[in-house]
Amino acid sequence: MKVTMQRVNKAVHFIAYGSDGHSILMDGSEAIGGEGKGVRPMETVLMGLAGCSSIDMVMILDKMRQKLEDIRIEVVAERADEVPAVFTKIHVSFFLKGDLKEKKVAQAVDMAFQKYCSVSKMLEPTVEITSSYVINEVEES
């Protein structure tokens, strides 16, 4: 796996490319000269956790023959006050819609975080990660 990143302007605005050519815009906070033109680097970590765990959830629920119609993920994190301002706590909330058995959803969440999600396993040694789920109350973002 390889990514590349290129500075876009004289500020701290960048474009990052994945190995398949897809890209995201990244920018620093306004406090360090950012211009609000992209996602902050630490937000990309949370997006990675959301993406990894939700892909696992979809795949696990499918293998369990659960009829998932929709899924939305919300990730809320706390950071240390000192530099480096690393994540200290992260909570991942899953909002699921479909003909789902609660026991199966609970099992899928546990499997995603305890066995399959590479991003959560990477963060786990230094960050307290918790999760929750709500069935059939998918909120609009």
N, C-alpha and C. Protein backbone atom coordinates (compact mmCIF):
# COMPACT_ATOMS: atom_id res chain seq x y z
N MET A 1 0.85 -1.17 0.00
CA MET A 1 0.00 0.00 0.00
C MET A 1 0.89 1.24 0.00
N LYS A 2 0.49 2.21 -0.79
CA LYS A 2 1.27 3.44 -0.90
C LYS A 2 0.32 4.60 -1.16
N VAL A 3 0.58 5.73 -0.50
CA VAL A 3 -0.15 6.96 -0.78
C VAL A 3 0.87 8.04 -1.11
N THR A 4 0.43 9.03 -1.85
CA THR A 4 1.29 10.19 -2.13
C THR A 4 0.51 11.45 -1.79
N MET A 5 1.23 12.50 -1.47
CA MET A 5 0.59 13.76 -1.12
C MET A 5 1.37 14.89 -1.74
N GLN A 6 0.64 15.88 -2.25
CA GLN A 6 1.25 17.03 -2.91
C GLN A 6 0.67 18.31 -2.34
N ARG A 7 1.55 19.27 -2.07
CA ARG A 7 1.10 20.57 -1.59
C ARG A 7 0.38 21.29 -2.73
N VAL A 8 -0.77 21.91 -2.42
CA VAL A 8 -1.59 22.57 -3.42
C VAL A 8 -1.25 24.05 -3.52
N ASN A 9 -0.95 24.69 -2.40
CA ASN A 9 -0.67 26.13 -2.43
C ASN A 9 0.41 26.48 -1.41
N LYS A 10 0.64 27.75 -1.16
CA LYS A 10 1.69 28.18 -0.23
C LYS A 10 1.29 28.00 1.23
N ALA A 11 0.04 27.66 1.50
CA ALA A 11 -0.43 27.43 2.87
C ALA A 11 -0.20 25.96 3.23
N VAL A 12 -1.07 25.41 4.06
CA VAL A 12 -0.94 24.01 4.47
C VAL A 12 -2.08 23.18 3.88
N HIS A 13 -2.32 23.37 2.60
CA HIS A 13 -3.38 22.69 1.87
C HIS A 13 -2.73 21.66 0.95
N PHE A 14 -3.19 20.40 1.06
CA PHE A 14 -2.59 19.30 0.31
C PHE A 14 -3.66 18.46 -0.36
N ILE A 15 -3.24 17.69 -1.36
CA ILE A 15 -4.10 16.66 -1.94
C ILE A 15 -3.35 15.34 -1.79
N ALA A 16 -4.05 14.36 -1.24
CA ALA A 16 -3.45 13.03 -1.02
C ALA A 16 -4.11 12.03 -1.96
N TYR A 17 -3.29 11.17 -2.53
CA TYR A 17 -3.77 10.16 -3.48
C TYR A 17 -3.51 8.76 -2.94
N GLY A 18 -4.52 7.92 -3.04
CA GLY A 18 -4.35 6.52 -2.72
C GLY A 18 -3.71 5.80 -3.87
N SER A 19 -3.34 4.56 -3.65
CA SER A 19 -2.65 3.78 -4.68
C SER A 19 -3.52 3.55 -5.92
N ASP A 20 -4.86 3.70 -5.76
CA ASP A 20 -5.75 3.51 -6.90
C ASP A 20 -6.11 4.81 -7.60
N GLY A 21 -5.51 5.93 -7.13
CA GLY A 21 -5.74 7.22 -7.77
C GLY A 21 -6.83 8.08 -7.14
N HIS A 22 -7.61 7.53 -6.21
CA HIS A 22 -8.62 8.33 -5.53
C HIS A 22 -7.93 9.34 -4.62
N SER A 23 -8.59 10.48 -4.38
CA SER A 23 -7.92 11.52 -3.62
C SER A 23 -8.81 12.15 -2.56
N ILE A 24 -8.17 12.79 -1.59
CA ILE A 24 -8.86 13.61 -0.61
C ILE A 24 -8.07 14.90 -0.45
N LEU A 25 -8.77 15.96 -0.12
CA LEU A 25 -8.12 17.23 0.18
C LEU A 25 -7.86 17.29 1.68
N MET A 26 -6.68 17.76 2.04
CA MET A 26 -6.31 17.84 3.44
C MET A 26 -5.80 19.25 3.72
N ASP A 27 -6.15 19.77 4.89
CA ASP A 27 -5.76 21.12 5.27
C ASP A 27 -5.54 21.16 6.77
N GLY A 28 -4.68 22.05 7.21
CA GLY A 28 -4.47 22.23 8.64
C GLY A 28 -5.53 23.14 9.21
N SER A 29 -5.52 23.26 10.53
CA SER A 29 -6.48 24.16 11.19
C SER A 29 -6.13 25.61 10.86
N GLU A 30 -7.08 26.49 11.04
CA GLU A 30 -6.84 27.91 10.79
C GLU A 30 -5.76 28.45 11.71
N ALA A 31 -5.61 27.87 12.90
CA ALA A 31 -4.61 28.31 13.87
C ALA A 31 -3.19 28.17 13.34
N ILE A 32 -2.99 27.26 12.38
CA ILE A 32 -1.64 27.08 11.82
C ILE A 32 -1.56 27.48 10.35
N GLY A 33 -2.54 28.25 9.89
CA GLY A 33 -2.50 28.72 8.52
C GLY A 33 -3.41 27.99 7.56
N GLY A 34 -4.22 27.07 8.08
CA GLY A 34 -5.16 26.35 7.23
C GLY A 34 -6.23 27.28 6.68
N GLU A 35 -6.82 26.87 5.58
CA GLU A 35 -7.80 27.70 4.90
C GLU A 35 -9.18 27.04 4.82
N GLY A 36 -9.37 25.97 5.56
CA GLY A 36 -10.67 25.29 5.53
C GLY A 36 -10.97 24.62 4.20
N LYS A 37 -9.95 24.19 3.48
CA LYS A 37 -10.14 23.61 2.15
C LYS A 37 -10.04 22.08 2.13
N GLY A 38 -9.98 21.48 3.29
CA GLY A 38 -9.87 20.04 3.31
C GLY A 38 -10.05 19.47 4.70
N VAL A 39 -10.03 18.18 4.77
CA VAL A 39 -10.16 17.45 6.03
C VAL A 39 -8.84 17.57 6.79
N ARG A 40 -8.92 17.70 8.09
CA ARG A 40 -7.71 17.74 8.90
C ARG A 40 -7.12 16.34 9.03
N PRO A 41 -5.82 16.23 9.18
CA PRO A 41 -5.19 14.90 9.25
C PRO A 41 -5.75 13.99 10.33
N MET A 42 -6.02 14.50 11.52
CA MET A 42 -6.55 13.65 12.58
C MET A 42 -7.99 13.20 12.27
N GLU A 43 -8.73 14.01 11.51
CA GLU A 43 -10.06 13.59 11.09
C GLU A 43 -9.97 12.40 10.13
N THR A 44 -8.92 12.36 9.33
CA THR A 44 -8.77 11.23 8.40
C THR A 44 -8.56 9.93 9.16
N VAL A 45 -7.90 10.01 10.33
CA VAL A 45 -7.74 8.81 11.16
C VAL A 45 -9.11 8.31 11.61
N LEU A 46 -9.95 9.23 12.07
CA LEU A 46 -11.30 8.85 12.51
C LEU A 46 -12.13 8.33 11.34
N MET A 47 -11.97 8.93 10.17
CA MET A 47 -12.67 8.45 8.98
C MET A 47 -12.21 7.04 8.62
N GLY A 48 -10.93 6.79 8.78
CA GLY A 48 -10.39 5.45 8.52
C GLY A 48 -10.99 4.42 9.47
N LEU A 49 -11.13 4.80 10.75
CA LEU A 49 -11.74 3.90 11.73
C LEU A 49 -13.21 3.66 11.38
N ALA A 50 -13.92 4.70 11.01
CA ALA A 50 -15.33 4.55 10.62
C ALA A 50 -15.45 3.66 9.40
N GLY A 51 -14.61 3.89 8.41
CA GLY A 51 -14.67 3.10 7.19
C GLY A 51 -14.34 1.65 7.41
N CYS A 52 -13.27 1.39 8.13
CA CYS A 52 -12.83 0.02 8.39
C CYS A 52 -13.88 -0.76 9.18
N SER A 53 -14.36 -0.17 10.27
CA SER A 53 -15.32 -0.88 11.12
C SER A 53 -16.67 -1.05 10.41
N SER A 54 -17.09 -0.08 9.62
CA SER A 54 -18.38 -0.20 8.95
C SER A 54 -18.33 -1.21 7.80
N ILE A 55 -17.22 -1.27 7.09
CA ILE A 55 -17.08 -2.30 6.04
C ILE A 55 -17.15 -3.68 6.69
N ASP A 56 -16.45 -3.83 7.83
CA ASP A 56 -16.50 -5.11 8.55
C ASP A 56 -17.93 -5.42 8.99
N MET A 57 -18.64 -4.41 9.52
CA MET A 57 -20.01 -4.63 9.97
C MET A 57 -20.90 -5.11 8.82
N VAL A 58 -20.81 -4.46 7.68
CA VAL A 58 -21.62 -4.84 6.52
C VAL A 58 -21.32 -6.28 6.12
N MET A 59 -20.05 -6.62 6.06
CA MET A 59 -19.67 -7.98 5.64
C MET A 59 -20.10 -9.03 6.66
N ILE A 60 -19.91 -8.74 7.94
CA ILE A 60 -20.27 -9.70 8.99
C ILE A 60 -21.78 -9.90 9.02
N LEU A 61 -22.54 -8.82 8.98
CA LEU A 61 -24.00 -8.94 9.01
C LEU A 61 -24.52 -9.70 7.78
N ASP A 62 -23.87 -9.48 6.65
CA ASP A 62 -24.26 -10.21 5.44
C ASP A 62 -24.02 -11.71 5.62
N LYS A 63 -22.87 -12.07 6.17
CA LYS A 63 -22.57 -13.49 6.41
C LYS A 63 -23.53 -14.10 7.43
N MET A 64 -24.05 -13.27 8.33
CA MET A 64 -25.02 -13.73 9.34
C MET A 64 -26.44 -13.76 8.77
N ARG A 65 -26.57 -13.41 7.49
CA ARG A 65 -27.86 -13.36 6.81
C ARG A 65 -28.83 -12.35 7.45
N GLN A 66 -28.25 -11.25 7.89
CA GLN A 66 -29.06 -10.16 8.42
C GLN A 66 -29.34 -9.18 7.29
N LYS A 67 -30.54 -8.69 7.21
CA LYS A 67 -30.95 -7.82 6.11
C LYS A 67 -30.72 -6.35 6.47
N LEU A 68 -29.50 -5.89 6.25
CA LEU A 68 -29.12 -4.51 6.52
C LEU A 68 -29.54 -3.63 5.34
N GLU A 69 -30.36 -2.62 5.63
CA GLU A 69 -30.82 -1.70 4.59
C GLU A 69 -29.97 -0.42 4.54
N ASP A 70 -29.51 0.03 5.70
CA ASP A 70 -28.77 1.27 5.76
C ASP A 70 -27.90 1.27 7.01
N ILE A 71 -26.80 2.01 6.94
CA ILE A 71 -25.91 2.14 8.09
C ILE A 71 -25.28 3.54 8.05
N ARG A 72 -25.23 4.16 9.20
CA ARG A 72 -24.55 5.45 9.36
C ARG A 72 -23.67 5.32 10.58
N ILE A 73 -22.49 5.89 10.50
CA ILE A 73 -21.51 5.78 11.57
C ILE A 73 -21.13 7.17 12.03
N GLU A 74 -21.07 7.34 13.34
CA GLU A 74 -20.64 8.61 13.92
C GLU A 74 -19.47 8.30 14.86
N VAL A 75 -18.39 9.03 14.71
CA VAL A 75 -17.22 8.83 15.56
C VAL A 75 -16.93 10.13 16.30
N VAL A 76 -16.83 10.04 17.62
CA VAL A 76 -16.52 11.19 18.46
C VAL A 76 -15.25 10.87 19.23
N ALA A 77 -14.31 11.81 19.23
CA ALA A 77 -13.03 11.55 19.88
C ALA A 77 -12.63 12.68 20.81
N GLU A 78 -11.83 12.32 21.79
CA GLU A 78 -11.20 13.29 22.70
C GLU A 78 -9.70 13.21 22.46
N ARG A 79 -9.05 14.36 22.59
CA ARG A 79 -7.61 14.43 22.37
C ARG A 79 -6.91 14.95 23.63
N ALA A 80 -5.65 14.62 23.75
CA ALA A 80 -4.84 15.11 24.86
C ALA A 80 -4.69 16.62 24.73
N ASP A 81 -4.55 17.29 25.87
CA ASP A 81 -4.39 18.74 25.88
C ASP A 81 -2.99 19.18 25.45
N GLU A 82 -2.00 18.32 25.65
CA GLU A 82 -0.62 18.69 25.33
C GLU A 82 -0.22 18.17 23.95
N VAL A 83 0.84 18.72 23.44
CA VAL A 83 1.38 18.31 22.14
C VAL A 83 2.32 17.13 22.37
N PRO A 84 2.22 16.06 21.63
CA PRO A 84 1.29 15.85 20.52
C PRO A 84 -0.12 15.56 21.05
N ALA A 85 -1.10 16.17 20.44
CA ALA A 85 -2.50 16.04 20.87
C ALA A 85 -3.10 14.75 20.31
N VAL A 86 -2.64 13.63 20.85
CA VAL A 86 -3.09 12.32 20.39
C VAL A 86 -4.52 12.05 20.87
N PHE A 87 -5.18 11.10 20.24
CA PHE A 87 -6.49 10.69 20.70
C PHE A 87 -6.34 9.94 22.01
N THR A 88 -7.23 10.23 22.96
CA THR A 88 -7.24 9.51 24.23
C THR A 88 -8.47 8.62 24.35
N LYS A 89 -9.58 9.06 23.77
CA LYS A 89 -10.82 8.28 23.78
C LYS A 89 -11.52 8.45 22.43
N ILE A 90 -12.07 7.35 21.95
CA ILE A 90 -12.85 7.37 20.71
C ILE A 90 -14.10 6.53 20.94
N HIS A 91 -15.25 7.09 20.55
CA HIS A 91 -16.50 6.32 20.62
C HIS A 91 -17.09 6.24 19.21
N VAL A 92 -17.40 5.02 18.79
CA VAL A 92 -17.99 4.77 17.48
C VAL A 92 -19.45 4.36 17.67
N SER A 93 -20.36 5.09 17.06
CA SER A 93 -21.80 4.78 17.13
C SER A 93 -22.27 4.31 15.76
N PHE A 94 -22.95 3.18 15.74
CA PHE A 94 -23.53 2.63 14.52
C PHE A 94 -25.04 2.83 14.57
N PHE A 95 -25.60 3.40 13.53
CA PHE A 95 -27.04 3.56 13.39
C PHE A 95 -27.44 2.67 12.21
N LEU A 96 -28.17 1.60 12.52
CA LEU A 96 -28.48 0.58 11.52
C LEU A 96 -29.97 0.51 11.26
N LYS A 97 -30.31 0.19 10.02
CA LYS A 97 -31.71 0.03 9.63
C LYS A 97 -31.85 -1.29 8.90
N GLY A 98 -32.88 -2.02 9.22
CA GLY A 98 -33.14 -3.27 8.52
C GLY A 98 -33.79 -4.29 9.42
N ASP A 99 -34.00 -5.47 8.87
CA ASP A 99 -34.56 -6.59 9.62
C ASP A 99 -33.39 -7.27 10.32
N LEU A 100 -33.05 -6.75 11.50
CA LEU A 100 -31.83 -7.15 12.21
C LEU A 100 -32.15 -7.69 13.60
N LYS A 101 -31.50 -8.76 13.96
CA LYS A 101 -31.62 -9.30 15.32
C LYS A 101 -30.57 -8.62 16.19
N GLU A 102 -31.00 -8.11 17.34
CA GLU A 102 -30.09 -7.38 18.21
C GLU A 102 -28.88 -8.22 18.62
N LYS A 103 -29.10 -9.47 18.90
CA LYS A 103 -27.99 -10.36 19.31
C LYS A 103 -26.93 -10.45 18.20
N LYS A 104 -27.39 -10.52 16.97
CA LYS A 104 -26.48 -10.62 15.82
C LYS A 104 -25.71 -9.30 15.63
N VAL A 105 -26.39 -8.17 15.81
CA VAL A 105 -25.73 -6.88 15.68
C VAL A 105 -24.66 -6.73 16.76
N ALA A 106 -25.00 -7.09 17.98
CA ALA A 106 -24.02 -7.01 19.09
C ALA A 106 -22.81 -7.88 18.79
N GLN A 107 -23.05 -9.05 18.27
CA GLN A 107 -21.96 -9.97 17.91
C GLN A 107 -21.12 -9.39 16.78
N ALA A 108 -21.77 -8.78 15.80
CA ALA A 108 -21.04 -8.18 14.67
C ALA A 108 -20.16 -7.02 15.14
N VAL A 109 -20.68 -6.18 16.03
CA VAL A 109 -19.89 -5.07 16.57
C VAL A 109 -18.66 -5.61 17.29
N ASP A 110 -18.88 -6.61 18.12
CA ASP A 110 -17.77 -7.21 18.86
C ASP A 110 -16.73 -7.80 17.91
N MET A 111 -17.17 -8.52 16.92
CA MET A 111 -16.25 -9.13 15.96
C MET A 111 -15.49 -8.06 15.17
N ALA A 112 -16.17 -7.00 14.77
CA ALA A 112 -15.52 -5.95 14.00
C ALA A 112 -14.35 -5.37 14.79
N PHE A 113 -14.58 -5.03 16.05
CA PHE A 113 -13.54 -4.37 16.83
C PHE A 113 -12.53 -5.34 17.44
N GLN A 114 -12.95 -6.52 17.80
CA GLN A 114 -12.04 -7.45 18.47
C GLN A 114 -11.22 -8.31 17.50
N LYS A 115 -11.71 -8.45 16.26
CA LYS A 115 -11.05 -9.39 15.36
C LYS A 115 -10.65 -8.80 14.00
N TYR A 116 -11.51 -8.00 13.39
CA TYR A 116 -11.30 -7.67 11.99
C TYR A 116 -10.80 -6.26 11.66
N CYS A 117 -11.22 -5.25 12.38
CA CYS A 117 -10.90 -3.88 11.99
C CYS A 117 -9.43 -3.55 12.28
N SER A 118 -8.65 -3.47 11.24
CA SER A 118 -7.21 -3.20 11.37
C SER A 118 -6.94 -1.84 11.99
N VAL A 119 -7.75 -0.85 11.67
CA VAL A 119 -7.54 0.49 12.19
C VAL A 119 -7.77 0.51 13.70
N SER A 120 -8.84 -0.13 14.17
CA SER A 120 -9.08 -0.15 15.61
C SER A 120 -8.00 -0.93 16.34
N LYS A 121 -7.54 -2.02 15.76
CA LYS A 121 -6.47 -2.80 16.39
C LYS A 121 -5.18 -1.99 16.46
N MET A 122 -4.94 -1.14 15.49
CA MET A 122 -3.74 -0.31 15.49
C MET A 122 -3.84 0.77 16.57
N LEU A 123 -5.02 1.34 16.74
CA LEU A 123 -5.22 2.41 17.73
C LEU A 123 -5.37 1.88 19.16
N GLU A 124 -5.87 0.68 19.28
CA GLU A 124 -6.23 0.09 20.57
C GLU A 124 -5.15 0.17 21.66
N PRO A 125 -3.90 -0.03 21.37
CA PRO A 125 -2.90 0.01 22.45
C PRO A 125 -2.77 1.37 23.15
N THR A 126 -3.17 2.44 22.49
CA THR A 126 -2.98 3.77 23.09
C THR A 126 -4.25 4.58 23.26
N VAL A 127 -5.37 4.09 22.75
CA VAL A 127 -6.63 4.84 22.79
C VAL A 127 -7.74 3.96 23.37
N GLU A 128 -8.55 4.53 24.24
CA GLU A 128 -9.72 3.82 24.74
C GLU A 128 -10.82 3.93 23.68
N ILE A 129 -11.17 2.78 23.07
CA ILE A 129 -12.18 2.76 22.02
C ILE A 129 -13.43 2.07 22.55
N THR A 130 -14.55 2.76 22.45
CA THR A 130 -15.84 2.19 22.83
C THR A 130 -16.78 2.27 21.64
N SER A 131 -17.86 1.51 21.71
CA SER A 131 -18.82 1.53 20.61
C SER A 131 -20.24 1.31 21.13
N SER A 132 -21.18 1.69 20.30
CA SER A 132 -22.59 1.46 20.59
C SER A 132 -23.32 1.32 19.27
N TYR A 133 -24.56 0.86 19.36
CA TYR A 133 -25.36 0.73 18.15
C TYR A 133 -26.82 1.02 18.47
N VAL A 134 -27.53 1.46 17.46
CA VAL A 134 -28.97 1.69 17.53
C VAL A 134 -29.55 1.05 16.28
N ILE A 135 -30.59 0.26 16.46
CA ILE A 135 -31.21 -0.43 15.34
C ILE A 135 -32.50 0.28 14.95
N ASN A 136 -32.67 0.54 13.66
CA ASN A 136 -33.86 1.14 13.06
C ASN A 136 -34.15 2.55 13.53
N GLU A 137 -33.11 3.28 13.78
CA GLU A 137 -33.22 4.71 14.07
C GLU A 137 -32.08 5.44 13.36
N VAL A 138 -31.95 5.20 12.05
CA VAL A 138 -30.90 5.84 11.27
C VAL A 138 -31.23 7.32 11.15
N GLU A 139 -30.35 8.15 11.70
CA GLU A 139 -30.55 9.59 11.66
C GLU A 139 -29.90 10.17 10.43
N GLU A 140 -30.45 11.25 9.95
CA GLU A 140 -29.85 11.96 8.82
C GLU A 140 -28.67 12.76 9.32
N SER A 141 -27.59 12.80 8.55
CA SER A 141 -26.41 13.57 8.96
C SER A 141 -26.51 15.00 8.48
